[in-house]
Amino acid sequence: MALKSDAVFERIAKRLETIDPNNRQVQQIYKFRIQQNGKVVKTWVLDLKAVKLTESDGAAEATLTMEDDIMFALGTGAMPAKEALAQDKLDVEGQVELIFLLEPFIASLKK
């Protein structure tokens, strides 16, 4: 099933190729649970410790659950994470503060 956010995850995968594993600022593991009409349809794990992205349901320090269009908006910079949280469009399980560490990485996808 093709989702709008697939393009964001493709950009994340390409961005990971440019990361020097010995020189990174964020080293956490994030899980993205992408929904359509309130039902999870895809789950991705962004492991910034191992510098890899997989479509899986592995363990993470922060799990972000949102609709496909919200992930697309976050990944393209159309909506900041703080706004998505304030509008209850982003649900975070685990360490909420970790999503703010991820923001510069997501912002770098637009370059």
PDB file of N, CA and C in Angstrom:
ATOM      1  N   MET A   1       0.848  -1.177   0.000  1.00  0.00           N
ATOM      2  CA  MET A   1       0.000   0.000   0.000  1.00  0.00           C
ATOM      3  C   MET A   1       0.897   1.244   0.000  1.00  0.00           C
ATOM      4  N   ALA A   2       0.708   2.089  -0.971  1.00  0.00           N
ATOM      5  CA  ALA A   2       1.501   3.321  -1.065  1.00  0.00           C
ATOM      6  C   ALA A   2       0.862   4.415  -0.208  1.00  0.00           C
ATOM      7  N   LEU A   3       1.698   5.081   0.571  1.00  0.00           N
ATOM      8  CA  LEU A   3       1.247   6.164   1.432  1.00  0.00           C
ATOM      9  C   LEU A   3       1.984   7.443   1.057  1.00  0.00           C
ATOM     10  N   LYS A   4       1.378   8.582   1.394  1.00  0.00           N
ATOM     11  CA  LYS A   4       2.051   9.868   1.153  1.00  0.00           C
ATOM     12  C   LYS A   4       3.372   9.925   1.905  1.00  0.00           C
ATOM     13  N   SER A   5       3.382   9.385   3.116  1.00  0.00           N
ATOM     14  CA  SER A   5       4.589   9.446   3.949  1.00  0.00           C
ATOM     15  C   SER A   5       5.717   8.556   3.441  1.00  0.00           C
ATOM     16  N   ASP A   6       5.432   7.652   2.512  1.00  0.00           N
ATOM     17  CA  ASP A   6       6.505   6.812   1.958  1.00  0.00           C
ATOM     18  C   ASP A   6       7.619   7.676   1.372  1.00  0.00           C
ATOM     19  N   ALA A   7       7.254   8.795   0.773  1.00  0.00           N
ATOM     20  CA  ALA A   7       8.255   9.703   0.200  1.00  0.00           C
ATOM     21  C   ALA A   7       9.162  10.270   1.296  1.00  0.00           C
ATOM     22  N   VAL A   8       8.602  10.541   2.463  1.00  0.00           N
ATOM     23  CA  VAL A   8       9.391  11.044   3.589  1.00  0.00           C
ATOM     24  C   VAL A   8      10.372   9.972   4.045  1.00  0.00           C
ATOM     25  N   PHE A   9       9.909   8.734   4.153  1.00  0.00           N
ATOM     26  CA  PHE A   9      10.790   7.662   4.601  1.00  0.00           C
ATOM     27  C   PHE A   9      11.870   7.350   3.563  1.00  0.00           C
ATOM     28  N   GLU A  10      11.565   7.538   2.282  1.00  0.00           N
ATOM     29  CA  GLU A  10      12.602   7.398   1.250  1.00  0.00           C
ATOM     30  C   GLU A  10      13.682   8.461   1.449  1.00  0.00           C
ATOM     31  N   ARG A  11      13.270   9.683   1.770  1.00  0.00           N
ATOM     32  CA  ARG A  11      14.243  10.757   2.013  1.00  0.00           C
ATOM     33  C   ARG A  11      15.049  10.488   3.281  1.00  0.00           C
ATOM     34  N   ILE A  12      14.404   9.916   4.290  1.00  0.00           N
ATOM     35  CA  ILE A  12      15.120   9.553   5.514  1.00  0.00           C
ATOM     36  C   ILE A  12      16.199   8.520   5.183  1.00  0.00           C
ATOM     37  N   ALA A  13      15.848   7.504   4.397  1.00  0.00           N
ATOM     38  CA  ALA A  13      16.811   6.459   4.029  1.00  0.00           C
ATOM     39  C   ALA A  13      17.994   7.062   3.276  1.00  0.00           C
ATOM     40  N   LYS A  14      17.731   7.973   2.348  1.00  0.00           N
ATOM     41  CA  LYS A  14      18.808   8.629   1.598  1.00  0.00           C
ATOM     42  C   LYS A  14      19.671   9.487   2.516  1.00  0.00           C
ATOM     43  N   ARG A  15      19.040  10.182   3.450  1.00  0.00           N
ATOM     44  CA  ARG A  15      19.778  11.025   4.398  1.00  0.00           C
ATOM     45  C   ARG A  15      20.681  10.172   5.291  1.00  0.00           C
ATOM     46  N   LEU A  16      20.225   8.989   5.670  1.00  0.00           N
ATOM     47  CA  LEU A  16      21.028   8.105   6.514  1.00  0.00           C
ATOM     48  C   LEU A  16      22.337   7.707   5.830  1.00  0.00           C
ATOM     49  N   GLU A  17      22.305   7.624   4.501  1.00  0.00           N
ATOM     50  CA  GLU A  17      23.510   7.267   3.750  1.00  0.00           C
ATOM     51  C   GLU A  17      24.610   8.309   3.900  1.00  0.00           C
ATOM     52  N   THR A  18      24.232   9.533   4.270  1.00  0.00           N
ATOM     53  CA  THR A  18      25.219  10.620   4.372  1.00  0.00           C
ATOM     54  C   THR A  18      25.718  10.841   5.804  1.00  0.00           C
ATOM     55  N   ILE A  19      25.216  10.055   6.743  1.00  0.00           N
ATOM     56  CA  ILE A  19      25.589  10.246   8.149  1.00  0.00           C
ATOM     57  C   ILE A  19      26.876   9.505   8.462  1.00  0.00           C
ATOM     58  N   ASP A  20      27.784  10.192   9.112  1.00  0.00           N
ATOM     59  CA  ASP A  20      29.004   9.583   9.604  1.00  0.00           C
ATOM     60  C   ASP A  20      28.677   8.954  10.962  1.00  0.00           C
ATOM     61  N   PRO A  21      28.714   7.623  11.063  1.00  0.00           N
ATOM     62  CA  PRO A  21      28.352   6.968  12.324  1.00  0.00           C
ATOM     63  C   PRO A  21      29.205   7.411  13.514  1.00  0.00           C
ATOM     64  N   ASN A  22      30.387   7.931  13.241  1.00  0.00           N
ATOM     65  CA  ASN A  22      31.271   8.368  14.320  1.00  0.00           C
ATOM     66  C   ASN A  22      31.052   9.823  14.713  1.00  0.00           C
ATOM     67  N   ASN A  23      30.188  10.524  13.980  1.00  0.00           N
ATOM     68  CA  ASN A  23      29.967  11.946  14.247  1.00  0.00           C
ATOM     69  C   ASN A  23      28.487  12.277  14.095  1.00  0.00           C
ATOM     70  N   ARG A  24      27.708  11.916  15.095  1.00  0.00           N
ATOM     71  CA  ARG A  24      26.273  12.212  15.030  1.00  0.00           C
ATOM     72  C   ARG A  24      25.802  12.747  16.353  1.00  0.00           C
ATOM     73  N   GLN A  25      24.787  13.562  16.275  1.00  0.00           N
ATOM     74  CA  GLN A  25      24.274  14.216  17.469  1.00  0.00           C
ATOM     75  C   GLN A  25      23.113  13.455  18.099  1.00  0.00           C
ATOM     76  N   VAL A  26      22.357  12.750  17.302  1.00  0.00           N
ATOM     77  CA  VAL A  26      21.194  12.015  17.807  1.00  0.00           C
ATOM     78  C   VAL A  26      21.470  10.527  17.632  1.00  0.00           C
ATOM     79  N   GLN A  27      21.317   9.782  18.728  1.00  0.00           N
ATOM     80  CA  GLN A  27      21.604   8.346  18.684  1.00  0.00           C
ATOM     81  C   GLN A  27      20.490   7.535  19.328  1.00  0.00           C
ATOM     82  N   GLN A  28      19.262   7.981  19.131  1.00  0.00           N
ATOM     83  CA  GLN A  28      18.129   7.279  19.712  1.00  0.00           C
ATOM     84  C   GLN A  28      17.439   6.408  18.659  1.00  0.00           C
ATOM     85  N   ILE A  29      16.481   5.615  19.148  1.00  0.00           N
ATOM     86  CA  ILE A  29      15.692   4.751  18.271  1.00  0.00           C
ATOM     87  C   ILE A  29      14.241   5.217  18.333  1.00  0.00           C
ATOM     88  N   TYR A  30      13.683   5.473  17.165  1.00  0.00           N
ATOM     89  CA  TYR A  30      12.317   5.984  17.044  1.00  0.00           C
ATOM     90  C   TYR A  30      11.464   4.996  16.242  1.00  0.00           C
ATOM     91  N   LYS A  31      10.230   4.841  16.670  1.00  0.00           N
ATOM     92  CA  LYS A  31       9.276   4.030  15.909  1.00  0.00           C
ATOM     93  C   LYS A  31       8.172   4.959  15.413  1.00  0.00           C
ATOM     94  N   PHE A  32       7.830   4.817  14.149  1.00  0.00           N
ATOM     95  CA  PHE A  32       6.755   5.601  13.539  1.00  0.00           C
ATOM     96  C   PHE A  32       5.629   4.643  13.181  1.00  0.00           C
ATOM     97  N   ARG A  33       4.478   4.834  13.801  1.00  0.00           N
ATOM     98  CA  ARG A  33       3.297   4.022  13.496  1.00  0.00           C
ATOM     99  C   ARG A  33       2.380   4.905  12.647  1.00  0.00           C
ATOM    100  N   ILE A  34       2.294   4.581  11.367  1.00  0.00           N
ATOM    101  CA  ILE A  34       1.539   5.399  10.413  1.00  0.00           C
ATOM    102  C   ILE A  34       0.129   4.832  10.259  1.00  0.00           C
ATOM    103  N   GLN A  35      -0.846   5.728  10.418  1.00  0.00           N
ATOM    104  CA  GLN A  35      -2.249   5.320  10.377  1.00  0.00           C
ATOM    105  C   GLN A  35      -2.976   5.880   9.155  1.00  0.00           C
ATOM    106  N   GLN A  36      -4.040   5.182   8.813  1.00  0.00           N
ATOM    107  CA  GLN A  36      -5.039   5.696   7.869  1.00  0.00           C
ATOM    108  C   GLN A  36      -6.386   5.445   8.521  1.00  0.00           C
ATOM    109  N   ASN A  37      -7.141   6.515   8.691  1.00  0.00           N
ATOM    110  CA  ASN A  37      -8.453   6.433   9.334  1.00  0.00           C
ATOM    111  C   ASN A  37      -8.371   5.776  10.717  1.00  0.00           C
ATOM    112  N   GLY A  38      -7.312   6.106  11.460  1.00  0.00           N
ATOM    113  CA  GLY A  38      -7.178   5.609  12.823  1.00  0.00           C
ATOM    114  C   GLY A  38      -6.630   4.205  12.972  1.00  0.00           C
ATOM    115  N   LYS A  39      -6.307   3.548  11.862  1.00  0.00           N
ATOM    116  CA  LYS A  39      -5.797   2.178  11.906  1.00  0.00           C
ATOM    117  C   LYS A  39      -4.338   2.175  11.442  1.00  0.00           C
ATOM    118  N   VAL A  40      -3.439   1.548  12.213  1.00  0.00           N
ATOM    119  CA  VAL A  40      -2.022   1.485  11.841  1.00  0.00           C
ATOM    120  C   VAL A  40      -1.885   0.628  10.587  1.00  0.00           C
ATOM    121  N   VAL A  41      -1.260   1.210   9.545  1.00  0.00           N
ATOM    122  CA  VAL A  41      -1.089   0.499   8.281  1.00  0.00           C
ATOM    123  C   VAL A  41       0.388   0.232   7.957  1.00  0.00           C
ATOM    124  N   LYS A  42       1.299   0.984   8.589  1.00  0.00           N
ATOM    125  CA  LYS A  42       2.728   0.759   8.396  1.00  0.00           C
ATOM    126  C   LYS A  42       3.465   1.176   9.656  1.00  0.00           C
ATOM    127  N   THR A  43       4.540   0.452   9.947  1.00  0.00           N
ATOM    128  CA  THR A  43       5.375   0.789  11.093  1.00  0.00           C
ATOM    129  C   THR A  43       6.835   0.788  10.647  1.00  0.00           C
ATOM    130  N   TRP A  44       7.517   1.873  10.969  1.00  0.00           N
ATOM    131  CA  TRP A  44       8.929   2.038  10.617  1.00  0.00           C
ATOM    132  C   TRP A  44       9.733   2.221  11.897  1.00  0.00           C
ATOM    133  N   VAL A  45      10.968   1.725  11.904  1.00  0.00           N
ATOM    134  CA  VAL A  45      11.885   1.967  13.011  1.00  0.00           C
ATOM    135  C   VAL A  45      13.102   2.695  12.455  1.00  0.00           C
ATOM    136  N   LEU A  46      13.341   3.878  12.998  1.00  0.00           N
ATOM    137  CA  LEU A  46      14.496   4.690  12.641  1.00  0.00           C
ATOM    138  C   LEU A  46      15.507   4.534  13.772  1.00  0.00           C
ATOM    139  N   ASP A  47      16.548   3.773  13.503  1.00  0.00           N
ATOM    140  CA  ASP A  47      17.565   3.475  14.501  1.00  0.00           C
ATOM    141  C   ASP A  47      18.774   4.356  14.226  1.00  0.00           C
ATOM    142  N   LEU A  48      18.888   5.433  14.973  1.00  0.00           N
ATOM    143  CA  LEU A  48      20.006   6.352  14.752  1.00  0.00           C
ATOM    144  C   LEU A  48      21.254   5.919  15.503  1.00  0.00           C
ATOM    145  N   LYS A  49      21.152   4.859  16.307  1.00  0.00           N
ATOM    146  CA  LYS A  49      22.345   4.252  16.909  1.00  0.00           C
ATOM    147  C   LYS A  49      23.076   3.438  15.850  1.00  0.00           C
ATOM    148  N   ALA A  50      22.311   2.610  15.139  1.00  0.00           N
ATOM    149  CA  ALA A  50      22.878   1.753  14.091  1.00  0.00           C
ATOM    150  C   ALA A  50      22.818   2.422  12.720  1.00  0.00           C
ATOM    151  N   VAL A  51      22.248   3.609  12.634  1.00  0.00           N
ATOM    152  CA  VAL A  51      22.096   4.383  11.392  1.00  0.00           C
ATOM    153  C   VAL A  51      21.376   3.558  10.323  1.00  0.00           C
ATOM    154  N   LYS A  52      20.139   3.147  10.651  1.00  0.00           N
ATOM    155  CA  LYS A  52      19.350   2.389   9.666  1.00  0.00           C
ATOM    156  C   LYS A  52      17.865   2.636   9.867  1.00  0.00           C
ATOM    157  N   LEU A  53      17.127   2.411   8.796  1.00  0.00           N
ATOM    158  CA  LEU A  53      15.669   2.541   8.779  1.00  0.00           C
ATOM    159  C   LEU A  53      15.103   1.222   8.286  1.00  0.00           C
ATOM    160  N   THR A  54      14.153   0.665   9.034  1.00  0.00           N
ATOM    161  CA  THR A  54      13.541  -0.586   8.611  1.00  0.00           C
ATOM    162  C   THR A  54      12.028  -0.492   8.779  1.00  0.00           C
ATOM    163  N   GLU A  55      11.326  -1.171   7.897  1.00  0.00           N
ATOM    164  CA  GLU A  55       9.887  -1.288   8.063  1.00  0.00           C
ATOM    165  C   GLU A  55       9.673  -2.484   8.974  1.00  0.00           C
ATOM    166  N   SER A  56       9.490  -2.190  10.259  1.00  0.00           N
ATOM    167  CA  SER A  56       9.368  -3.252  11.259  1.00  0.00           C
ATOM    168  C   SER A  56       8.662  -2.703  12.491  1.00  0.00           C
ATOM    169  N   ASP A  57       8.506  -3.563  13.483  1.00  0.00           N
ATOM    170  CA  ASP A  57       7.826  -3.176  14.713  1.00  0.00           C
ATOM    171  C   ASP A  57       8.747  -3.421  15.905  1.00  0.00           C
ATOM    172  N   GLY A  58      10.022  -3.085  15.746  1.00  0.00           N
ATOM    173  CA  GLY A  58      11.008  -3.323  16.801  1.00  0.00           C
ATOM    174  C   GLY A  58      10.888  -2.354  17.960  1.00  0.00           C
ATOM    175  N   ALA A  59      11.758  -2.562  18.931  1.00  0.00           N
ATOM    176  CA  ALA A  59      11.772  -1.730  20.137  1.00  0.00           C
ATOM    177  C   ALA A  59      12.273  -0.323  19.806  1.00  0.00           C
ATOM    178  N   ALA A  60      11.796   0.653  20.588  1.00  0.00           N
ATOM    179  CA  ALA A  60      12.198   2.047  20.376  1.00  0.00           C
ATOM    180  C   ALA A  60      12.132   2.800  21.698  1.00  0.00           C
ATOM    181  N   GLU A  61      12.873   3.897  21.753  1.00  0.00           N
ATOM    182  CA  GLU A  61      12.849   4.752  22.938  1.00  0.00           C
ATOM    183  C   GLU A  61      11.665   5.715  22.901  1.00  0.00           C
ATOM    184  N   ALA A  62      11.191   6.006  21.701  1.00  0.00           N
ATOM    185  CA  ALA A  62      10.012   6.859  21.524  1.00  0.00           C
ATOM    186  C   ALA A  62       9.215   6.318  20.342  1.00  0.00           C
ATOM    187  N   THR A  63       7.928   6.143  20.545  1.00  0.00           N
ATOM    188  CA  THR A  63       7.037   5.669  19.489  1.00  0.00           C
ATOM    189  C   THR A  63       6.078   6.797  19.139  1.00  0.00           C
ATOM    190  N   LEU A  64       6.085   7.160  17.858  1.00  0.00           N
ATOM    191  CA  LEU A  64       5.246   8.254  17.366  1.00  0.00           C
ATOM    192  C   LEU A  64       4.137   7.654  16.513  1.00  0.00           C
ATOM    193  N   THR A  65       2.891   7.934  16.876  1.00  0.00           N
ATOM    194  CA  THR A  65       1.741   7.420  16.134  1.00  0.00           C
ATOM    195  C   THR A  65       0.982   8.601  15.555  1.00  0.00           C
ATOM    196  N   MET A  66       0.727   8.529  14.248  1.00  0.00           N
ATOM    197  CA  MET A  66       0.031   9.630  13.584  1.00  0.00           C
ATOM    198  C   MET A  66      -0.558   9.164  12.265  1.00  0.00           C
ATOM    199  N   GLU A  67      -1.466   9.967  11.745  1.00  0.00           N
ATOM    200  CA  GLU A  67      -2.038   9.709  10.425  1.00  0.00           C
ATOM    201  C   GLU A  67      -0.975   9.952   9.349  1.00  0.00           C
ATOM    202  N   ASP A  68      -1.138   9.289   8.237  1.00  0.00           N
ATOM    203  CA  ASP A  68      -0.208   9.390   7.117  1.00  0.00           C
ATOM    204  C   ASP A  68       0.026  10.843   6.696  1.00  0.00           C
ATOM    205  N   ASP A  69      -1.043  11.628   6.572  1.00  0.00           N
ATOM    206  CA  ASP A  69      -0.879  13.007   6.106  1.00  0.00           C
ATOM    207  C   ASP A  69      -0.129  13.872   7.123  1.00  0.00           C
ATOM    208  N   ILE A  70      -0.220  13.541   8.410  1.00  0.00           N
ATOM    209  CA  ILE A  70       0.518  14.289   9.433  1.00  0.00           C
ATOM    210  C   ILE A  70       2.004  13.963   9.325  1.00  0.00           C
ATOM    211  N   MET A  71       2.346  12.690   9.112  1.00  0.00           N
ATOM    212  CA  MET A  71       3.755  12.329   8.929  1.00  0.00           C
ATOM    213  C   MET A  71       4.320  13.036   7.704  1.00  0.00           C
ATOM    214  N   PHE A  72       3.531  13.104   6.654  1.00  0.00           N
ATOM    215  CA  PHE A  72       3.974  13.807   5.450  1.00  0.00           C
ATOM    216  C   PHE A  72       4.213  15.286   5.767  1.00  0.00           C
ATOM    217  N   ALA A  73       3.301  15.901   6.503  1.00  0.00           N
ATOM    218  CA  ALA A  73       3.436  17.326   6.863  1.00  0.00           C
ATOM    219  C   ALA A  73       4.653  17.555   7.754  1.00  0.00           C
ATOM    220  N   LEU A  74       4.889  16.665   8.714  1.00  0.00           N
ATOM    221  CA  LEU A  74       6.066  16.801   9.572  1.00  0.00           C
ATOM    222  C   LEU A  74       7.344  16.641   8.757  1.00  0.00           C
ATOM    223  N   GLY A  75       7.356  15.651   7.881  1.00  0.00           N
ATOM    224  CA  GLY A  75       8.552  15.347   7.093  1.00  0.00           C
ATOM    225  C   GLY A  75       8.876  16.372   6.029  1.00  0.00           C
ATOM    226  N   THR A  76       7.891  17.143   5.637  1.00  0.00           N
ATOM    227  CA  THR A  76       8.134  18.173   4.621  1.00  0.00           C
ATOM    228  C   THR A  76       8.264  19.556   5.237  1.00  0.00           C
ATOM    229  N   GLY A  77       8.107  19.627   6.550  1.00  0.00           N
ATOM    230  CA  GLY A  77       8.246  20.911   7.235  1.00  0.00           C
ATOM    231  C   GLY A  77       6.984  21.750   7.245  1.00  0.00           C
ATOM    232  N   ALA A  78       5.886  21.201   6.735  1.00  0.00           N
ATOM    233  CA  ALA A  78       4.631  21.958   6.701  1.00  0.00           C
ATOM    234  C   ALA A  78       4.018  22.109   8.093  1.00  0.00           C
ATOM    235  N   MET A  79       4.405  21.213   9.011  1.00  0.00           N
ATOM    236  CA  MET A  79       3.884  21.282  10.382  1.00  0.00           C
ATOM    237  C   MET A  79       5.003  20.918  11.358  1.00  0.00           C
ATOM    238  N   PRO A  80       5.272  21.779  12.340  1.00  0.00           N
ATOM    239  CA  PRO A  80       6.266  21.432  13.363  1.00  0.00           C
ATOM    240  C   PRO A  80       5.690  20.409  14.348  1.00  0.00           C
ATOM    241  N   ALA A  81       6.556  19.602  14.935  1.00  0.00           N
ATOM    242  CA  ALA A  81       6.122  18.570  15.878  1.00  0.00           C
ATOM    243  C   ALA A  81       5.358  19.171  17.054  1.00  0.00           C
ATOM    244  N   LYS A  82       5.801  20.318  17.524  1.00  0.00           N
ATOM    245  CA  LYS A  82       5.149  20.967  18.671  1.00  0.00           C
ATOM    246  C   LYS A  82       3.681  21.275  18.348  1.00  0.00           C
ATOM    247  N   GLU A  83       3.427  21.710  17.114  1.00  0.00           N
ATOM    248  CA  GLU A  83       2.062  22.009  16.686  1.00  0.00           C
ATOM    249  C   GLU A  83       1.226  20.732  16.587  1.00  0.00           C
ATOM    250  N   ALA A  84       1.824  19.671  16.034  1.00  0.00           N
ATOM    251  CA  ALA A  84       1.109  18.394  15.917  1.00  0.00           C
ATOM    252  C   ALA A  84       0.746  17.854  17.301  1.00  0.00           C
ATOM    253  N   LEU A  85       1.662  18.007  18.263  1.00  0.00           N
ATOM    254  CA  LEU A  85       1.378  17.580  19.638  1.00  0.00           C
ATOM    255  C   LEU A  85       0.259  18.414  20.246  1.00  0.00           C
ATOM    256  N   ALA A  86       0.333  19.722  20.071  1.00  0.00           N
ATOM    257  CA  ALA A  86      -0.662  20.638  20.646  1.00  0.00           C
ATOM    258  C   ALA A  86      -2.059  20.360  20.084  1.00  0.00           C
ATOM    259  N   GLN A  87      -2.128  19.944  18.827  1.00  0.00           N
ATOM    260  CA  GLN A  87      -3.418  19.672  18.189  1.00  0.00           C
ATOM    261  C   GLN A  87      -3.854  18.207  18.352  1.00  0.00           C
ATOM    262  N   ASP A  88      -3.116  17.459  19.153  1.00  0.00           N
ATOM    263  CA  ASP A  88      -3.393  16.029  19.370  1.00  0.00           C
ATOM    264  C   ASP A  88      -3.387  15.226  18.071  1.00  0.00           C
ATOM    265  N   LYS A  89      -2.530  15.618  17.147  1.00  0.00           N
ATOM    266  CA  LYS A  89      -2.403  14.890  15.883  1.00  0.00           C
ATOM    267  C   LYS A  89      -1.201  13.955  15.910  1.00  0.00           C
ATOM    268  N   LEU A  90      -0.443  14.009  17.001  1.00  0.00           N
ATOM    269  CA  LEU A  90       0.745  13.187  17.176  1.00  0.00           C
ATOM    270  C   LEU A  90       0.709  12.617  18.582  1.00  0.00           C
ATOM    271  N   ASP A  91       0.745  11.296  18.676  1.00  0.00           N
ATOM    272  CA  ASP A  91       0.760  10.628  19.969  1.00  0.00           C
ATOM    273  C   ASP A  91       2.157  10.057  20.172  1.00  0.00           C
ATOM    274  N   VAL A  92       2.758  10.337  21.334  1.00  0.00           N
ATOM    275  CA  VAL A  92       4.106   9.865  21.622  1.00  0.00           C
ATOM    276  C   VAL A  92       4.083   8.986  22.855  1.00  0.00           C
ATOM    277  N   GLU A  93       4.629   7.776  22.699  1.00  0.00           N
ATOM    278  CA  GLU A  93       4.817   6.874  23.828  1.00  0.00           C
ATOM    279  C   GLU A  93       6.309   6.835  24.111  1.00  0.00           C
ATOM    280  N   GLY A  94       6.675   6.819  25.378  1.00  0.00           N
ATOM    281  CA  GLY A  94       8.092   6.805  25.730  1.00  0.00           C
ATOM    282  C   GLY A  94       8.554   8.211  26.038  1.00  0.00           C
ATOM    283  N   GLN A  95       9.781   8.507  25.686  1.00  0.00           N
ATOM    284  CA  GLN A  95      10.405   9.772  26.036  1.00  0.00           C
ATOM    285  C   GLN A  95      10.007  10.874  25.041  1.00  0.00           C
ATOM    286  N   VAL A  96       9.009  11.660  25.411  1.00  0.00           N
ATOM    287  CA  VAL A  96       8.463  12.701  24.534  1.00  0.00           C
ATOM    288  C   VAL A  96       9.546  13.693  24.098  1.00  0.00           C
ATOM    289  N   GLU A  97      10.454  14.031  25.002  1.00  0.00           N
ATOM    290  CA  GLU A  97      11.490  15.021  24.670  1.00  0.00           C
ATOM    291  C   GLU A  97      12.383  14.570  23.510  1.00  0.00           C
ATOM    292  N   LEU A  98      12.416  13.275  23.226  1.00  0.00           N
ATOM    293  CA  LEU A  98      13.258  12.782  22.134  1.00  0.00           C
ATOM    294  C   LEU A  98      12.782  13.268  20.766  1.00  0.00           C
ATOM    295  N   ILE A  99      11.493  13.568  20.634  1.00  0.00           N
ATOM    296  CA  ILE A  99      11.031  14.030  19.319  1.00  0.00           C
ATOM    297  C   ILE A  99      11.631  15.388  18.975  1.00  0.00           C
ATOM    298  N   PHE A 100      11.953  16.172  20.006  1.00  0.00           N
ATOM    299  CA  PHE A 100      12.551  17.479  19.729  1.00  0.00           C
ATOM    300  C   PHE A 100      14.016  17.344  19.326  1.00  0.00           C
ATOM    301  N   LEU A 101      14.681  16.276  19.748  1.00  0.00           N
ATOM    302  CA  LEU A 101      16.045  15.992  19.280  1.00  0.00           C
ATOM    303  C   LEU A 101      16.028  15.600  17.803  1.00  0.00           C
ATOM    304  N   LEU A 102      14.927  15.005  17.383  1.00  0.00           N
ATOM    305  CA  LEU A 102      14.801  14.520  16.003  1.00  0.00           C
ATOM    306  C   LEU A 102      14.492  15.646  15.018  1.00  0.00           C
ATOM    307  N   GLU A 103      13.951  16.761  15.498  1.00  0.00           N
ATOM    308  CA  GLU A 103      13.529  17.840  14.597  1.00  0.00           C
ATOM    309  C   GLU A 103      14.620  18.339  13.651  1.00  0.00           C
ATOM    310  N   PRO A 104      15.866  18.584  14.111  1.00  0.00           N
ATOM    311  CA  PRO A 104      16.886  19.030  13.152  1.00  0.00           C
ATOM    312  C   PRO A 104      17.159  18.007  12.064  1.00  0.00           C
ATOM    313  N   PHE A 105      17.100  16.720  12.408  1.00  0.00           N
ATOM    314  CA  PHE A 105      17.295  15.660  11.414  1.00  0.00           C
ATOM    315  C   PHE A 105      16.185  15.725  10.373  1.00  0.00           C
ATOM    316  N   ILE A 106      14.947  15.839  10.820  1.00  0.00           N
ATOM    317  CA  ILE A 106      13.806  15.918   9.899  1.00  0.00           C
ATOM    318  C   ILE A 106      13.914  17.178   9.041  1.00  0.00           C
ATOM    319  N   ALA A 107      14.326  18.281   9.662  1.00  0.00           N
ATOM    320  CA  ALA A 107      14.482  19.545   8.910  1.00  0.00           C
ATOM    321  C   ALA A 107      15.527  19.387   7.805  1.00  0.00           C
ATOM    322  N   SER A 108      16.543  18.556   8.041  1.00  0.00           N
ATOM    323  CA  SER A 108      17.607  18.379   7.044  1.00  0.00           C
ATOM    324  C   SER A 108      17.108  17.625   5.810  1.00  0.00           C
ATOM    325  N   LEU A 109      15.945  17.003   5.891  1.00  0.00           N
ATOM    326  CA  LEU A 109      15.397  16.273   4.746  1.00  0.00           C
ATOM    327  C   LEU A 109      14.967  17.223   3.630  1.00  0.00           C
ATOM    328  N   LYS A 110      14.682  18.465   3.982  1.00  0.00           N
ATOM    329  CA  LYS A 110      14.190  19.434   2.996  1.00  0.00           C
ATOM    330  C   LYS A 110      15.316  19.974   2.124  1.00  0.00           C
ATOM    331  N   LYS A 111      16.545  19.764   2.549  1.00  0.00           N
ATOM    332  CA  LYS A 111      17.699  20.326   1.820  1.00  0.00           C
ATOM    333  C   LYS A 111      18.012  19.545   0.575  1.00  0.00           C
TER     334      LYS A 111
END
